[in-house]
Amino acid sequence: MRLSKAATILAIDELLEILAANPDGMTTSELSGTRRFHGERTLRNPQIIRLLRTTGKVQESTIGYGMRTASLWRLKHL
């Protein structure tokens, strides 16, 4: 799904709210299928990664080994 500027802002806000409620962090796949973006409007994993990286407010780390790796997202402590 292509995101308009307004939808991009809504998506970023919702992703940051979800991460704020989960201080231990969440994987990219766990962030897919949010309250506002589900069904046909579900954000794809590359979209979620791009949106979170552009904020500068999250910390990305890799978990797992070999082909079973995932990105774990946490809010940065300011």
C-alpha atoms as a PDB file:
ATOM      1  CA  MET A   1       0.000   0.000   0.000  1.00  0.00           C
ATOM      2  CA  ARG A   2       1.308   3.446  -0.891  1.00  0.00           C
ATOM      3  CA  LEU A   3       1.236   5.918   1.941  1.00  0.00           C
ATOM      4  CA  SER A   4       0.205   9.527   1.560  1.00  0.00           C
ATOM      5  CA  LYS A   5       1.959  12.153   3.664  1.00  0.00           C
ATOM      6  CA  ALA A   6      -0.915  12.113   6.174  1.00  0.00           C
ATOM      7  CA  ALA A   7      -0.947   8.302   6.330  1.00  0.00           C
ATOM      8  CA  THR A   8       2.845   8.284   6.817  1.00  0.00           C
ATOM      9  CA  ILE A   9       2.526  10.559   9.846  1.00  0.00           C
ATOM     10  CA  LEU A  10      -0.285   8.395  11.265  1.00  0.00           C
ATOM     11  CA  ALA A  11       1.755   5.224  10.710  1.00  0.00           C
ATOM     12  CA  ILE A  12       4.859   6.641  12.401  1.00  0.00           C
ATOM     13  CA  ASP A  13       2.820   7.896  15.357  1.00  0.00           C
ATOM     14  CA  GLU A  14       1.124   4.534  15.776  1.00  0.00           C
ATOM     15  CA  LEU A  15       4.381   2.578  15.535  1.00  0.00           C
ATOM     16  CA  LEU A  16       6.030   4.819  18.143  1.00  0.00           C
ATOM     17  CA  GLU A  17       2.991   4.446  20.448  1.00  0.00           C
ATOM     18  CA  ILE A  18       3.237   0.659  20.166  1.00  0.00           C
ATOM     19  CA  LEU A  19       6.957   0.726  20.955  1.00  0.00           C
ATOM     20  CA  ALA A  20       6.362   3.052  23.925  1.00  0.00           C
ATOM     21  CA  ALA A  21       3.890   0.506  25.329  1.00  0.00           C
ATOM     22  CA  ASN A  22       6.444  -2.310  24.865  1.00  0.00           C
ATOM     23  CA  PRO A  23       9.760  -1.185  26.380  1.00  0.00           C
ATOM     24  CA  ASP A  24      11.352  -4.621  25.847  1.00  0.00           C
ATOM     25  CA  GLY A  25      11.047  -4.035  22.101  1.00  0.00           C
ATOM     26  CA  MET A  26       9.229  -5.675  19.237  1.00  0.00           C
ATOM     27  CA  THR A  27      10.308  -7.293  15.996  1.00  0.00           C
ATOM     28  CA  THR A  28       9.373  -5.857  12.627  1.00  0.00           C
ATOM     29  CA  SER A  29       6.845  -8.645  12.012  1.00  0.00           C
ATOM     30  CA  GLU A  30       5.162  -8.004  15.366  1.00  0.00           C
ATOM     31  CA  LEU A  31       4.640  -4.377  14.324  1.00  0.00           C
ATOM     32  CA  SER A  32       2.749  -5.429  11.192  1.00  0.00           C
ATOM     33  CA  GLY A  33      -1.055  -5.376  11.306  1.00  0.00           C
ATOM     34  CA  THR A  34      -1.631  -2.402  13.612  1.00  0.00           C
ATOM     35  CA  ARG A  35      -4.975  -0.973  14.692  1.00  0.00           C
ATOM     36  CA  ARG A  36      -5.121   1.633  11.905  1.00  0.00           C
ATOM     37  CA  PHE A  37      -3.218  -0.329   9.266  1.00  0.00           C
ATOM     38  CA  HIS A  38      -4.591  -3.858   8.909  1.00  0.00           C
ATOM     39  CA  GLY A  39      -6.238  -6.009   6.260  1.00  0.00           C
ATOM     40  CA  GLU A  40      -5.622  -4.557   2.797  1.00  0.00           C
ATOM     41  CA  ARG A  41      -3.903  -1.558   4.398  1.00  0.00           C
ATOM     42  CA  THR A  42      -1.327  -3.606   6.339  1.00  0.00           C
ATOM     43  CA  LEU A  43       2.134  -2.079   6.371  1.00  0.00           C
ATOM     44  CA  ARG A  44       4.772  -4.308   4.813  1.00  0.00           C
ATOM     45  CA  ASN A  45       7.984  -5.037   6.718  1.00  0.00           C
ATOM     46  CA  PRO A  46      10.167  -2.858   4.411  1.00  0.00           C
ATOM     47  CA  GLN A  47       7.747   0.043   4.965  1.00  0.00           C
ATOM     48  CA  ILE A  48       7.908  -0.393   8.733  1.00  0.00           C
ATOM     49  CA  ILE A  49      11.718  -0.475   8.649  1.00  0.00           C
ATOM     50  CA  ARG A  50      11.889   2.670   6.487  1.00  0.00           C
ATOM     51  CA  LEU A  51       9.378   4.550   8.652  1.00  0.00           C
ATOM     52  CA  LEU A  52      11.135   3.690  11.906  1.00  0.00           C
ATOM     53  CA  ARG A  53      14.621   4.470  10.594  1.00  0.00           C
ATOM     54  CA  THR A  54      13.548   7.923   9.394  1.00  0.00           C
ATOM     55  CA  THR A  55      12.312   8.936  12.859  1.00  0.00           C
ATOM     56  CA  GLY A  56      15.702   8.763  14.574  1.00  0.00           C
ATOM     57  CA  LYS A  57      13.835   7.891  17.784  1.00  0.00           C
ATOM     58  CA  VAL A  58      14.323   4.133  17.735  1.00  0.00           C
ATOM     59  CA  GLN A  59      17.179   1.717  18.275  1.00  0.00           C
ATOM     60  CA  GLU A  60      17.452  -1.229  15.897  1.00  0.00           C
ATOM     61  CA  SER A  61      19.261  -4.402  16.868  1.00  0.00           C
ATOM     62  CA  THR A  62      19.516  -7.804  15.227  1.00  0.00           C
ATOM     63  CA  ILE A  63      18.434 -10.915  17.067  1.00  0.00           C
ATOM     64  CA  GLY A  64      18.786 -14.564  16.073  1.00  0.00           C
ATOM     65  CA  TYR A  65      21.427 -16.390  14.048  1.00  0.00           C
ATOM     66  CA  GLY A  66      22.035 -17.223  10.416  1.00  0.00           C
ATOM     67  CA  MET A  67      18.914 -17.180   8.291  1.00  0.00           C
ATOM     68  CA  ARG A  68      16.722 -16.812  11.382  1.00  0.00           C
ATOM     69  CA  THR A  69      17.500 -13.186  12.166  1.00  0.00           C
ATOM     70  CA  ALA A  70      15.058 -10.384  12.882  1.00  0.00           C
ATOM     71  CA  SER A  71      15.259  -6.699  13.699  1.00  0.00           C
ATOM     72  CA  LEU A  72      14.272  -5.754  17.224  1.00  0.00           C
ATOM     73  CA  TRP A  73      13.028  -2.176  17.691  1.00  0.00           C
ATOM     74  CA  ARG A  74      13.128  -0.165  20.923  1.00  0.00           C
ATOM     75  CA  LEU A  75      12.623   3.496  21.657  1.00  0.00           C
ATOM     76  CA  LYS A  76      15.852   5.362  22.390  1.00  0.00           C
ATOM     77  CA  HIS A  77      16.229   6.727  25.907  1.00  0.00           C
ATOM     78  CA  LEU A  78      16.634  10.461  25.616  1.00  0.00           C
END
